[in-house]
Protein backbone atom coordinates (compact mmCIF):
# COMPACT_ATOMS: atom_id res chain seq x y z
CA UNK A 1 0.00 0.00 0.00
CA UNK A 2 1.35 3.38 -0.97
CA UNK A 3 2.18 5.87 1.71
CA UNK A 4 -0.12 8.87 1.74
CA UNK A 5 0.93 12.42 2.45
CA UNK A 6 -0.02 13.16 6.10
CA UNK A 7 -3.20 15.23 6.25
CA UNK A 8 -2.06 17.26 9.27
CA UNK A 9 1.09 18.40 7.42
CA UNK A 10 -0.94 19.48 4.42
CA UNK A 11 -3.30 21.41 6.69
CA UNK A 12 -0.38 23.23 8.33
CA UNK A 13 1.05 24.21 4.95
CA UNK A 14 -2.30 25.56 3.78
CA UNK A 15 -2.77 27.48 7.05
CA UNK A 16 0.68 29.12 6.78
CA UNK A 17 0.07 30.02 3.15
CA UNK A 18 -3.23 31.75 3.87
CA UNK A 19 -1.66 33.73 6.71
CA UNK A 20 0.95 35.03 4.26
CA UNK A 21 -1.74 35.75 1.68
CA UNK A 22 -3.90 37.77 4.10
CA UNK A 23 -0.85 39.76 5.21
CA UNK A 24 0.08 40.43 1.57
CA UNK A 25 -3.41 41.61 0.61
CA UNK A 26 -3.57 43.97 3.57
CA UNK A 27 -0.19 45.48 2.68
CA UNK A 28 -0.61 45.64 -1.09
CA UNK A 29 -3.98 47.44 -1.01
CA UNK A 30 -2.17 50.47 0.45
CA UNK A 31 0.26 50.66 -2.44
CA UNK A 32 0.04 52.54 -5.73
CA UNK A 33 -1.25 50.52 -8.74
CA UNK A 34 1.34 48.31 -10.36
CA UNK A 35 2.88 49.36 -13.65
CA UNK A 36 2.92 45.85 -15.10
CA UNK A 37 1.37 45.81 -18.58
CA UNK A 38 -1.88 43.94 -19.07
CA UNK A 39 -1.63 40.50 -20.60
CA UNK A 40 -3.88 37.63 -21.54
CA UNK A 41 -1.24 35.05 -20.59
CA UNK A 42 -0.21 34.00 -17.10
CA UNK A 43 2.52 36.10 -15.51
CA UNK A 44 4.94 34.03 -13.45
CA UNK A 45 6.94 35.71 -10.70
CA UNK A 46 10.34 36.85 -11.92
CA UNK A 47 12.99 35.04 -9.86
CA UNK A 48 16.49 36.26 -9.29
CA UNK A 49 19.18 34.72 -11.48
CA UNK A 50 22.57 33.68 -10.16
CA UNK A 51 24.44 34.60 -7.05
CA UNK A 52 24.62 38.33 -7.71
CA UNK A 53 21.02 38.84 -8.79
CA UNK A 54 19.71 39.14 -5.27
CA UNK A 55 22.19 41.89 -4.45
CA UNK A 56 21.03 43.85 -7.49
CA UNK A 57 17.57 44.18 -5.97
CA UNK A 58 18.99 46.42 -3.28
CA UNK A 59 17.15 47.06 -0.05
CA UNK A 60 13.68 46.94 -1.63
CA UNK A 61 11.07 44.65 -0.17
CA UNK A 62 9.25 43.23 -3.20
CA UNK A 63 5.88 41.55 -3.12
CA UNK A 64 3.89 40.22 -6.04
CA UNK A 65 0.56 38.44 -6.11
CA UNK A 66 -1.46 37.40 -9.13
CA UNK A 67 -4.85 35.76 -9.14
CA UNK A 68 -5.91 34.37 -12.52
CA UNK A 69 -9.24 32.58 -12.69
CA UNK A 70 -11.42 31.49 -15.56
CA UNK A 71 -14.78 29.83 -15.95
CA UNK A 72 -16.12 28.69 -19.28
CA UNK A 73 -19.12 26.98 -20.78
CA UNK A 74 -18.12 24.58 -23.56
CA UNK A 75 -20.53 22.98 -25.99
CA UNK A 76 -19.40 20.24 -28.40
CA UNK A 77 -21.84 19.00 -31.04
CA UNK A 78 -21.64 16.91 -34.20
CA UNK A 79 -21.28 13.29 -35.17
CA UNK A 80 -17.62 13.03 -34.04
CA UNK A 81 -17.77 15.11 -30.86
CA UNK A 82 -15.52 12.60 -29.08
CA UNK A 83 -12.63 13.74 -31.32
CA UNK A 84 -12.51 17.13 -29.62
CA UNK A 85 -9.68 17.96 -27.21
CA UNK A 86 -12.03 20.15 -25.14
CA UNK A 87 -14.22 19.08 -22.24
CA UNK A 88 -17.95 19.55 -22.70
CA UNK A 89 -19.76 21.46 -19.95
CA UNK A 90 -18.65 23.98 -17.35
CA UNK A 91 -14.90 24.14 -16.66
CA UNK A 92 -13.07 26.21 -14.05
CA UNK A 93 -9.47 26.91 -13.06
CA UNK A 94 -7.72 29.25 -10.64
CA UNK A 95 -3.99 30.07 -10.61
CA UNK A 96 -2.51 31.91 -7.64
CA UNK A 97 1.08 33.19 -8.02
CA UNK A 98 2.96 34.66 -5.09
CA UNK A 99 6.45 36.13 -4.75
CA UNK A 100 8.21 37.77 -1.84
CA UNK A 101 11.77 39.10 -1.99
CA UNK A 102 13.32 40.86 0.99
CA UNK A 103 16.65 41.54 2.66
CA UNK A 104 17.82 39.74 5.78
CA UNK A 105 21.12 41.25 6.80
CA UNK A 106 23.55 40.80 3.91
CA UNK A 107 21.35 38.13 2.35
CA UNK A 108 18.21 38.26 0.25
CA UNK A 109 15.35 35.83 0.64
CA UNK A 110 13.03 34.99 -2.23
CA UNK A 111 9.91 32.84 -1.87
CA UNK A 112 7.76 31.82 -4.83
CA UNK A 113 4.71 29.59 -5.13
CA UNK A 114 2.21 28.98 -7.92
CA UNK A 115 -0.93 27.10 -6.83
CA UNK A 116 -3.69 25.82 -9.10
CA UNK A 117 -7.23 24.54 -8.82
CA UNK A 118 -8.79 22.96 -11.93
CA UNK A 119 -11.84 20.74 -12.39
CA UNK A 120 -10.94 19.83 -15.99
CA UNK A 121 -8.36 17.06 -16.41
CA UNK A 122 -7.45 18.37 -19.86
CA UNK A 123 -6.31 21.59 -18.20
CA UNK A 124 -4.57 19.77 -15.36
CA UNK A 125 -4.81 16.14 -14.20
CA UNK A 126 -4.77 17.28 -10.57
CA UNK A 127 -7.72 19.14 -9.07
CA UNK A 128 -5.51 20.90 -6.49
CA UNK A 129 -1.82 21.20 -7.29
CA UNK A 130 1.39 23.10 -6.64
CA UNK A 131 2.69 24.14 -10.05
CA UNK A 132 5.86 25.73 -8.78
CA UNK A 133 7.46 26.53 -5.43
CA UNK A 134 10.92 27.42 -4.18
CA UNK A 135 12.82 29.21 -1.44
CA UNK A 136 16.01 30.96 -2.55
CA UNK A 137 18.65 32.53 -0.31
CA UNK A 138 21.25 34.79 -1.94
CA UNK A 139 24.38 35.87 -0.15
CA UNK A 140 27.50 37.81 -1.18
CA UNK A 141 29.22 34.62 -2.36
CA UNK A 142 26.54 31.96 -2.36
CA UNK A 143 23.07 30.97 -3.48
CA UNK A 144 20.96 28.20 -1.95
CA UNK A 145 17.68 27.06 -3.49
CA UNK A 146 15.06 24.65 -2.13
CA UNK A 147 12.32 23.56 -4.53
CA UNK A 148 12.05 24.08 -8.28
CA UNK A 149 15.28 24.92 -10.08
CA UNK A 150 16.54 24.79 -13.67
CA UNK A 151 19.99 23.17 -13.58
CA UNK A 152 22.10 24.02 -16.61
CA UNK A 153 25.67 22.77 -16.21
CA UNK A 154 26.62 21.71 -19.72
CA UNK A 155 25.00 20.47 -22.90
CA UNK A 156 26.12 16.84 -22.52
CA UNK A 157 25.59 16.40 -18.76
CA UNK A 158 22.84 18.44 -17.12
CA UNK A 159 20.08 20.66 -18.52
CA UNK A 160 16.87 19.92 -16.67
CA UNK A 161 14.42 21.10 -14.05
CA UNK A 162 14.58 19.46 -10.65
CA UNK A 163 12.61 19.58 -7.45
CA UNK A 164 15.05 19.53 -4.60
CA UNK A 165 18.17 21.35 -3.45
CA UNK A 166 20.70 23.40 -5.41
CA UNK A 167 23.60 25.60 -4.32
CA UNK A 168 26.22 27.89 -5.85
CA UNK A 169 29.33 28.81 -3.90
CA UNK A 170 32.11 31.21 -4.90
CA UNK A 171 35.18 30.65 -2.74
CA UNK A 172 37.53 33.28 -1.37
CA UNK A 173 40.62 31.06 -1.47
CA UNK A 174 40.40 30.45 -5.20
CA UNK A 175 39.83 33.58 -7.26
CA UNK A 176 37.33 32.94 -10.03
CA UNK A 177 36.39 29.50 -8.67
CA UNK A 178 32.75 28.41 -8.33
CA UNK A 179 31.25 25.19 -7.04
CA UNK A 180 27.69 24.16 -7.93
CA UNK A 181 25.77 21.13 -6.71
CA UNK A 182 22.27 19.70 -6.60
CA UNK A 183 20.19 16.77 -5.37
CA UNK A 184 16.52 16.02 -5.81
CA UNK A 185 13.99 14.43 -8.14
CA UNK A 186 12.79 14.91 -11.69
CA UNK A 187 9.06 14.56 -12.27
CA UNK A 188 6.25 16.52 -13.89
CA UNK A 189 4.62 17.87 -10.69
CA UNK A 190 4.78 17.70 -6.92
CA UNK A 191 1.67 15.52 -6.86
CA UNK A 192 3.52 12.81 -8.75
CA UNK A 193 5.79 12.35 -5.74
CA UNK A 194 3.08 10.99 -3.47
CA UNK A 195 -0.08 10.34 -5.51
CA UNK A 196 -0.98 6.97 -7.02
CA UNK A 197 -1.18 5.73 -10.59
CA UNK A 198 -4.37 5.62 -12.60
CA UNK A 199 -2.86 3.01 -14.96
CA UNK A 200 -2.16 0.36 -12.33
CA UNK A 201 -5.82 -0.23 -11.46
CA UNK A 202 -5.38 -3.88 -12.42
CA UNK A 203 -2.82 -4.30 -9.66
CA UNK A 204 -5.30 -2.73 -7.22
CA UNK A 205 -8.10 -5.06 -8.16
CA UNK A 206 -9.87 -2.43 -10.25
CA UNK A 207 -10.03 0.12 -7.43
CA UNK A 208 -9.23 3.74 -8.36
CA UNK A 209 -8.23 6.01 -5.49
CA UNK A 210 -9.42 9.60 -5.46
CA UNK A 211 -5.81 10.77 -5.42
CA UNK A 212 -4.69 8.79 -8.45
CA UNK A 213 -3.23 10.65 -11.45
CA UNK A 214 -3.91 9.74 -15.09
CA UNK A 215 -0.88 9.75 -17.35
CA UNK A 216 1.57 10.24 -14.50
CA UNK A 217 5.19 9.81 -15.69
CA UNK A 218 7.96 8.07 -13.84
CA UNK A 219 10.08 9.76 -11.18
CA UNK A 220 13.87 9.95 -11.29
CA UNK A 221 16.34 10.62 -8.49
CA UNK A 222 18.92 13.11 -9.77
CA UNK A 223 22.06 14.83 -8.50
CA UNK A 224 25.13 16.49 -9.89
CA UNK A 225 27.95 18.96 -9.42
CA UNK A 226 30.02 21.43 -11.39
CA UNK A 227 33.39 22.96 -10.52
CA UNK A 228 34.49 25.83 -12.75
CA UNK A 229 37.55 28.04 -12.76
CA UNK A 230 37.99 31.34 -14.55
CA UNK A 231 41.38 31.51 -16.22
CA UNK A 232 42.41 34.95 -17.35
CA UNK A 233 39.81 37.07 -19.13
CA UNK A 234 36.75 35.42 -20.71
CA UNK A 235 38.12 31.90 -20.27
CA UNK A 236 36.43 29.19 -18.19
CA UNK A 237 37.28 25.53 -17.66
CA UNK A 238 34.95 23.21 -15.76
CA UNK A 239 34.34 19.63 -14.67
CA UNK A 240 30.76 18.31 -14.48
CA UNK A 241 29.08 15.28 -12.99
CA UNK A 242 25.44 14.22 -13.45
CA UNK A 243 23.56 11.26 -11.99
CA UNK A 244 20.08 9.93 -12.66
CA UNK A 245 18.32 6.79 -11.46
CA UNK A 246 14.71 5.99 -12.37
CA UNK A 247 12.63 4.75 -9.44
CA UNK A 248 11.34 1.33 -10.48
CA UNK A 249 8.23 1.42 -8.30
CA UNK A 250 7.21 4.75 -9.87
CA UNK A 251 6.84 3.26 -13.35
CA UNK A 252 3.22 2.87 -14.46
CA UNK A 253 1.92 -0.62 -15.22
CA UNK A 254 0.12 -1.38 -18.45
CA UNK A 255 -3.08 -3.23 -17.42
CA UNK A 256 -3.03 -5.21 -20.70
CA UNK A 257 0.49 -6.60 -20.40
CA UNK A 258 1.09 -6.24 -16.66
CA UNK A 259 4.54 -4.71 -17.34
CA UNK A 260 6.00 -1.23 -17.22
CA UNK A 261 6.08 0.52 -20.62
CA UNK A 262 9.30 2.32 -19.62
CA UNK A 263 12.68 0.80 -18.82
CA UNK A 264 14.30 2.14 -15.61
CA UNK A 265 17.81 3.45 -16.24
CA UNK A 266 20.71 4.33 -13.93
CA UNK A 267 23.19 6.79 -15.45
CA UNK A 268 26.43 8.56 -14.50
CA UNK A 269 28.08 11.17 -16.74
CA UNK A 270 31.35 13.03 -16.24
CA UNK A 271 32.51 15.77 -18.60
CA UNK A 272 35.13 18.42 -19.09
CA UNK A 273 34.04 21.62 -20.85
CA UNK A 274 35.57 24.98 -21.65
CA UNK A 275 34.44 28.35 -22.96
CA UNK A 276 37.14 30.70 -24.19
CA UNK A 277 37.29 33.97 -26.10
CA UNK A 278 40.53 34.88 -27.86
CA UNK A 279 40.95 38.54 -28.73
CA UNK A 280 37.22 38.99 -29.33
CA UNK A 281 37.75 37.21 -32.63
CA UNK A 282 37.55 33.48 -31.88
CA UNK A 283 35.04 32.02 -29.44
CA UNK A 284 35.56 28.36 -28.52
CA UNK A 285 32.99 26.24 -26.68
CA UNK A 286 33.95 22.57 -26.31
CA UNK A 287 33.12 19.53 -24.19
CA UNK A 288 34.15 15.91 -23.79
CA UNK A 289 31.85 13.58 -21.82
CA UNK A 290 31.98 9.95 -20.70
CA UNK A 291 28.97 7.98 -19.46
CA UNK A 292 28.36 4.72 -17.57
CA UNK A 293 24.81 3.47 -17.95
CA UNK A 294 22.78 0.57 -16.61
CA UNK A 295 20.13 0.27 -19.33
CA UNK A 296 17.71 -1.70 -17.13
CA UNK A 297 18.15 -1.64 -13.35
CA UNK A 298 15.78 -4.62 -12.99
CA UNK A 299 18.28 -6.93 -14.72
CA UNK A 300 21.97 -7.49 -13.92
CA UNK A 301 23.16 -7.27 -17.52
CA UNK A 302 26.12 -4.98 -16.83
CA UNK A 303 26.87 -1.39 -17.68
CA UNK A 304 27.51 0.27 -21.03
CA UNK A 305 30.22 2.89 -21.38
CA UNK A 306 30.81 5.38 -24.15
CA UNK A 307 31.75 8.98 -24.92
CA UNK A 308 30.39 12.10 -26.54
CA UNK A 309 32.08 15.30 -27.62
CA UNK A 310 31.29 18.64 -29.22
CA UNK A 311 33.16 21.71 -30.49
CA UNK A 312 31.47 25.01 -31.30
CA UNK A 313 33.59 27.73 -32.87
CA UNK A 314 32.57 31.28 -33.79
CA UNK A 315 35.04 33.50 -35.64
CA UNK A 316 34.34 37.18 -36.34
CA UNK A 317 36.87 39.13 -38.36
CA UNK A 318 35.89 42.33 -40.11
CA UNK A 319 32.93 41.66 -42.39
CA UNK A 320 33.32 37.88 -42.03
CA UNK A 321 31.37 35.67 -39.63
CA UNK A 322 32.29 31.98 -39.52
CA UNK A 323 30.58 29.32 -37.39
CA UNK A 324 31.90 25.76 -37.16
CA UNK A 325 29.99 23.13 -35.15
CA UNK A 326 30.82 19.48 -34.61
CA UNK A 327 29.07 16.92 -32.39
CA UNK A 328 29.79 13.20 -32.08
CA UNK A 329 27.74 11.07 -29.67
CA UNK A 330 28.60 7.39 -29.65
CA UNK A 331 25.95 4.61 -29.66
CA UNK A 332 26.18 3.67 -25.97
CA UNK A 333 26.56 7.22 -24.66
CA UNK A 334 23.62 8.34 -22.54
CA UNK A 335 22.87 11.43 -20.45
CA UNK A 336 19.38 11.19 -18.96
CA UNK A 337 19.59 14.71 -17.49
CA UNK A 338 20.47 16.37 -20.81
CA UNK A 339 18.99 16.54 -24.29
CA UNK A 340 21.04 14.42 -26.65
CA UNK A 341 20.60 11.75 -29.35
CA UNK A 342 22.91 8.73 -29.25
CA UNK A 343 24.67 7.27 -32.27
CA UNK A 344 24.84 10.56 -34.16
CA UNK A 345 27.54 12.66 -35.79
CA UNK A 346 26.62 16.17 -36.86
CA UNK A 347 28.90 18.74 -38.52
CA UNK A 348 27.87 22.19 -39.74
CA UNK A 349 29.69 25.17 -41.22
CA UNK A 350 28.09 28.60 -41.64
CA UNK A 351 29.91 31.45 -43.38
CA UNK A 352 28.54 34.96 -43.71
CA UNK A 353 30.13 38.04 -45.25
CA UNK A 354 29.03 41.63 -45.83
CA UNK A 355 29.87 42.28 -49.50
CA UNK A 356 28.83 45.93 -49.22
CA UNK A 357 26.62 48.20 -47.14
CA UNK A 358 23.60 46.83 -49.01
CA UNK A 359 24.47 43.20 -49.80
CA UNK A 360 25.35 40.24 -47.58
CA UNK A 361 26.00 36.62 -48.44
CA UNK A 362 25.55 33.49 -46.31
CA UNK A 363 26.38 29.86 -46.99
CA UNK A 364 25.60 26.80 -44.85
CA UNK A 365 26.59 23.17 -45.17
CA UNK A 366 25.46 20.45 -42.74
CA UNK A 367 26.33 16.74 -42.74
CA UNK A 368 24.67 14.23 -40.40
CA UNK A 369 25.11 10.48 -40.17
CA UNK A 370 24.46 7.63 -37.73
CA UNK A 371 25.70 4.04 -37.23
CA UNK A 372 29.07 5.28 -35.97
CA UNK A 373 30.31 1.77 -35.12
CA UNK A 374 28.52 -0.14 -37.88
CA UNK A 375 26.47 -2.16 -35.41
CA UNK A 376 22.99 -1.46 -36.83
CA UNK A 377 21.23 -4.08 -38.97
CA UNK A 378 20.13 -1.34 -41.40
CA UNK A 379 22.64 0.65 -43.48
CA UNK A 380 23.95 4.02 -42.36
CA UNK A 381 21.69 7.04 -42.97
CA UNK A 382 23.37 10.19 -44.26
CA UNK A 383 21.82 13.65 -44.55
CA UNK A 384 23.49 16.47 -46.50
CA UNK A 385 21.99 19.96 -46.30
CA UNK A 386 23.66 22.80 -48.23
CA UNK A 387 22.05 26.24 -48.30
CA UNK A 388 22.95 29.61 -49.78
CA UNK A 389 21.34 33.02 -49.32
CA UNK A 390 22.00 36.53 -50.59
CA UNK A 391 20.35 39.45 -48.82
CA UNK A 392 19.73 42.98 -50.07
CA UNK A 393 18.90 45.71 -47.58
CA UNK A 394 18.67 49.50 -47.45
CA UNK A 395 18.77 49.71 -51.23
CA UNK A 396 18.53 53.22 -52.74
CA UNK A 397 14.92 54.14 -53.41
CA UNK A 398 13.52 51.10 -51.52
CA UNK A 399 13.87 52.38 -47.96
CA UNK A 400 14.23 49.59 -45.45
CA UNK A 401 13.07 46.84 -47.81
CA UNK A 402 14.78 43.50 -47.17
CA UNK A 403 15.10 40.96 -50.00
CA UNK A 404 16.38 37.41 -49.43
CA UNK A 405 17.05 35.11 -52.39
CA UNK A 406 18.38 31.64 -51.77
CA UNK A 407 18.52 27.94 -52.39
CA UNK A 408 18.44 25.03 -49.95
CA UNK A 409 18.81 21.31 -50.51
CA UNK A 410 18.08 18.27 -48.36
CA UNK A 411 19.53 14.93 -49.48
CA UNK A 412 18.98 11.60 -47.67
CA UNK A 413 20.84 8.42 -48.54
CA UNK A 414 20.69 4.93 -47.03
CA UNK A 415 22.41 2.46 -49.34
CA UNK A 416 19.70 0.87 -51.55
CA UNK A 417 16.80 1.70 -49.20
CA UNK A 418 16.57 5.49 -49.50
CA UNK A 419 18.00 7.91 -52.05
CA UNK A 420 16.02 11.14 -52.32
CA UNK A 421 16.66 14.85 -52.48
CA UNK A 422 14.58 18.01 -52.03
CA UNK A 423 15.69 21.13 -53.90
CA UNK A 424 14.15 24.43 -52.82
CA UNK A 425 14.81 27.84 -54.37
CA UNK A 426 13.10 30.61 -52.39
CA UNK A 427 12.64 34.35 -52.17
CA UNK A 428 11.44 36.49 -49.26
CA UNK A 429 10.63 40.22 -49.38
CA UNK A 430 9.90 42.44 -46.39
CA UNK A 431 8.58 45.92 -47.20
CA UNK A 432 8.24 48.40 -44.33
CA UNK A 433 5.58 51.08 -44.78
CA UNK A 434 5.58 53.62 -41.96
CA UNK A 435 4.44 51.57 -38.94
CA UNK A 436 3.42 48.60 -41.12
CA UNK A 437 5.27 45.67 -42.69
CA UNK A 438 4.26 43.74 -45.80
CA UNK A 439 5.96 40.34 -46.15
CA UNK A 440 5.90 38.24 -49.33
CA UNK A 441 7.50 34.81 -49.71
CA UNK A 442 7.64 32.03 -52.28
CA UNK A 443 9.46 28.71 -52.47
CA UNK A 444 9.36 25.79 -54.87
CA UNK A 445 10.20 22.34 -53.50
CA UNK A 446 11.14 19.61 -55.95
CA UNK A 447 11.18 16.19 -54.27
CA UNK A 448 13.12 13.65 -56.33
CA UNK A 449 13.18 9.97 -55.38
CA UNK A 450 16.01 8.25 -57.29
CA UNK A 451 14.86 4.75 -56.30
CA UNK A 452 11.13 5.19 -56.90
CA UNK A 453 10.39 8.00 -59.40
CA UNK A 454 6.63 7.62 -58.87
CA UNK A 455 7.10 9.38 -55.51
CA UNK A 456 8.39 12.56 -57.17
CA UNK A 457 6.45 15.72 -56.29
CA UNK A 458 6.55 19.45 -57.00
CA UNK A 459 5.33 21.82 -54.29
CA UNK A 460 4.72 25.55 -54.68
CA UNK A 461 4.30 27.51 -51.46
CA UNK A 462 3.37 31.22 -51.48
CA UNK A 463 2.50 33.46 -48.54
CA UNK A 464 1.63 37.12 -47.97
CA UNK A 465 1.32 38.85 -44.60
CA UNK A 466 0.51 42.39 -43.49
CA UNK A 467 1.13 43.59 -39.94
CA UNK A 468 0.63 47.10 -38.64
CA UNK A 469 0.16 49.29 -35.61
CA UNK A 470 -1.33 52.78 -35.79
CA UNK A 471 -3.25 55.31 -33.71
CA UNK A 472 -6.44 57.20 -34.42
CA UNK A 473 -6.76 59.85 -31.80
CA UNK A 474 -6.21 58.07 -28.50
CA UNK A 475 -7.24 54.68 -29.91
CA UNK A 476 -4.57 52.12 -30.81
CA UNK A 477 -5.12 49.52 -33.56
CA UNK A 478 -3.00 46.44 -34.29
CA UNK A 479 -4.24 44.52 -37.38
CA UNK A 480 -2.78 41.37 -38.92
CA UNK A 481 -3.61 39.70 -42.23
CA UNK A 482 -1.96 36.56 -43.57
CA UNK A 483 -2.65 34.13 -46.41
CA UNK A 484 -0.64 31.04 -47.38
CA UNK A 485 -1.28 28.57 -50.18
CA UNK A 486 0.57 25.29 -50.62
CA UNK A 487 0.01 23.16 -53.74
CA UNK A 488 1.63 19.74 -54.07
CA UNK A 489 1.59 17.97 -57.46
CA UNK A 490 2.33 14.22 -57.77
CA UNK A 491 3.81 12.44 -60.76
CA UNK A 492 1.91 9.18 -60.23
CA UNK A 493 -1.61 10.69 -60.25
CA UNK A 494 -3.39 13.45 -62.14
CA UNK A 495 -4.54 15.26 -59.01
CA UNK A 496 -2.75 17.09 -56.21
CA UNK A 497 -3.05 18.49 -52.70
CA UNK A 498 -3.95 22.08 -51.88
CA UNK A 499 -3.53 23.49 -48.37
CA UNK A 500 -4.63 27.00 -47.39
CA UNK A 501 -4.18 29.10 -44.27
CA UNK A 502 -6.15 32.32 -43.73
CA UNK A 503 -5.57 34.49 -40.69
CA UNK A 504 -7.04 37.89 -39.82
CA UNK A 505 -7.04 39.62 -36.47
CA UNK A 506 -7.27 43.05 -34.92
CA UNK A 507 -6.58 44.30 -31.43
CA UNK A 508 -8.05 47.64 -30.37
CA UNK A 509 -6.94 49.44 -27.23
CA UNK A 510 -9.38 52.15 -26.17
CA UNK A 511 -8.15 55.31 -24.39
CA UNK A 512 -9.58 54.09 -21.09
CA UNK A 513 -11.12 51.03 -19.48
CA UNK A 514 -11.63 48.78 -22.54
CA UNK A 515 -9.71 46.66 -25.07
CA UNK A 516 -11.20 44.65 -27.92
CA UNK A 517 -9.97 41.64 -29.86
CA UNK A 518 -11.35 39.87 -32.92
CA UNK A 519 -9.67 37.06 -34.84
CA UNK A 520 -10.54 34.70 -37.68
CA UNK A 521 -8.44 31.71 -38.67
CA UNK A 522 -9.12 29.01 -41.22
CA UNK A 523 -7.00 25.95 -41.93
CA UNK A 524 -8.11 23.95 -44.91
CA UNK A 525 -6.86 21.43 -47.41
CA UNK A 526 -8.17 19.70 -50.51
CA UNK A 527 -6.46 16.34 -50.58
CA UNK A 528 -6.75 13.01 -52.28
CA UNK A 529 -6.79 9.56 -50.72
CA UNK A 530 -5.64 6.37 -52.41
CA UNK A 531 -7.82 3.31 -51.73
CA UNK A 532 -8.22 -0.14 -53.23
CA UNK A 533 -11.05 1.22 -55.35
CA UNK A 534 -8.92 4.09 -56.65
CA UNK A 535 -8.59 7.75 -55.72
CA UNK A 536 -11.29 9.55 -53.80
CA UNK A 537 -11.43 13.14 -52.51
CA UNK A 538 -10.44 13.92 -48.96
CA UNK A 539 -9.50 16.95 -46.89
CA UNK A 540 -10.81 19.27 -44.22
CA UNK A 541 -11.81 22.85 -43.46
CA UNK A 542 -11.50 24.34 -39.98
CA UNK A 543 -12.70 27.94 -39.71
CA UNK A 544 -12.43 29.44 -36.22
CA UNK A 545 -13.55 32.78 -34.77
CA UNK A 546 -12.70 34.47 -31.50
CA UNK A 547 -14.01 37.71 -30.07
CA UNK A 548 -13.12 39.22 -26.71
CA UNK A 549 -13.58 42.40 -24.69
CA UNK A 550 -11.35 43.30 -21.74
CA UNK A 551 -12.63 45.57 -18.97
CA UNK A 552 -9.93 47.29 -16.89
CA UNK A 553 -11.05 48.04 -13.36
CA UNK A 554 -10.26 51.64 -12.43
CA UNK A 555 -8.36 51.74 -15.75
CA UNK A 556 -5.65 49.58 -14.14
CA UNK A 557 -4.01 47.17 -16.58
CA UNK A 558 -3.19 44.84 -13.69
CA UNK A 559 -6.83 44.26 -12.76
CA UNK A 560 -9.12 43.28 -15.58
CA UNK A 561 -11.92 40.97 -16.68
CA UNK A 562 -11.96 39.41 -20.16
CA UNK A 563 -15.18 38.08 -21.68
CA UNK A 564 -14.64 35.97 -24.78
CA UNK A 565 -16.47 33.76 -27.25
CA UNK A 566 -14.80 31.21 -29.51
CA UNK A 567 -16.24 28.96 -32.18
CA UNK A 568 -14.34 26.22 -33.99
CA UNK A 569 -15.89 24.41 -36.95
CA UNK A 570 -14.23 21.13 -37.89
CA UNK A 571 -15.52 19.84 -41.21
CA UNK A 572 -14.10 16.88 -43.13
CA UNK A 573 -14.67 15.50 -46.61
CA UNK A 574 -15.15 12.00 -45.15
CA UNK A 575 -18.61 11.75 -43.62
CA UNK A 576 -19.10 11.11 -39.91
CA UNK A 577 -16.07 13.14 -38.72
CA UNK A 578 -17.53 16.64 -38.32
CA UNK A 579 -17.83 18.38 -34.95
CA UNK A 580 -18.41 21.92 -33.69
CA UNK A 581 -16.93 23.60 -30.59
CA UNK A 582 -18.27 26.70 -28.84
CA UNK A 583 -16.63 28.22 -25.77
CA UNK A 584 -17.90 31.17 -23.73
CA UNK A 585 -15.37 32.19 -21.08
CA UNK A 586 -14.80 34.79 -18.39
CA UNK A 587 -11.22 35.36 -17.20
CA UNK A 588 -10.35 37.47 -14.18
CA UNK A 589 -6.79 38.70 -13.55
CA UNK A 590 -5.90 40.60 -10.39
CA UNK A 591 -2.30 41.61 -9.70
CA UNK A 592 -0.95 43.27 -6.60
CA UNK A 593 2.62 44.41 -6.37
CA UNK A 594 4.73 46.45 -3.99
CA UNK A 595 6.59 48.62 -4.09
């Protein structure tokens, strides 16, 4: 039986939080209105960054509180209403963001929490959840963080969010020396640390607990460290270590097979990296990493060891700009706390030069291949991607018009299995007109399959967009118009595919109290479908409309109510797939900030 989070501890946490909230409301109501701009997207508290960020705040005592709540009425109709990603009926959610940053002697304390209530599992699988929370203490030479933290040590070792402990320490005995370390867990949310699994109902005899989470991912124990030394000016060398171990009992169980769909992995990575700037001309960023990985901690099959390396070079000399990138990650190299793809070699060169005050030239070549040790049953796959572009800007008589003319090519080869290439000439024109911009683009993609010529296609893609911002009196208008047409022609049939995108929107900001928004978007395509009986028409058309009015209380952009209506029509050429979505929603945003 899984251990539940003690109810009395949860009650104490809630009680302490509400005491802080009441104190904040009482203090913030006495302050002048905040100068934060209004927004229709959630505003997260802005945390301090690094050891010295807290000191930059000075002696100010900062407080920020945002309440964002919405309630909508959703109606889904049509024959295929179950295909909708929305939830029919009344849906509600409340986000409460809180930040406090204050001085305590020579240190600064920062506390942040983001709480959420949602009764729609498609908004959030948890009804009550902690989205984010941390306590950060900044000192003259140190930073300590408890809770959420983005660890970014190096590209091949550690680049991931954790929930746990992290510190940064600059020593006095070693000038330019910093030590960083962390320990904690990686998971999607705090609830995943103590709530049950919805997928393992078979193991529970078909019983679903009220606290179970659908789609809950596994949990991983993580830790790591970084020691870096500044050598001279703009030169850093560092050693990194990253560890990750998936908790076996946290893996969900597939009720059909009775096994976990994920394999638990234990992983250690050590790397050496450096960043150096030579004379403001050559910038070198390199890393060598070595990993030891247990690919399945449930079986004693032994560990796999391998290496990865990368070199990034940027050279700037006069009108020349040269970038050289090389990455080689061997088949058995693994870094679970970093984004990387094993068994891959990637090399790219980019060269740019200003030919004159009006003309610049850029060339790119990229080569990618796998199967670095020849151990795969399938042949090696090779991608080659050259590209060239010439740009004209500030031409006499054309103002700030920007013209790009270029050619790109994508070639894929895999012995006798794949041999195809895509050739794409293109042109892009940007024409500024006072406070407006007109953008025109066209490209022609020729797909050539050398092994199966019947797969050859020609695609023409054209787009036009107009964006502007202008004032009439004290009213501000921001319109946008965009149209894109994509036509694909096949050699093996007499028909083709046509895809269209239409977008039109306008945002109107009144002098006081009100803002208006209207938008229309349509995605559509006329396609064909090959069946045993032959070719039959297919495709879809999805027009959507949204209208909204925002009411600013006391003309304060930090306290507003938005009333909106949205309608999405989903129509398909194949019968029985149509459905219609209508959403009426009210969103309240209330921000308090001091000073």
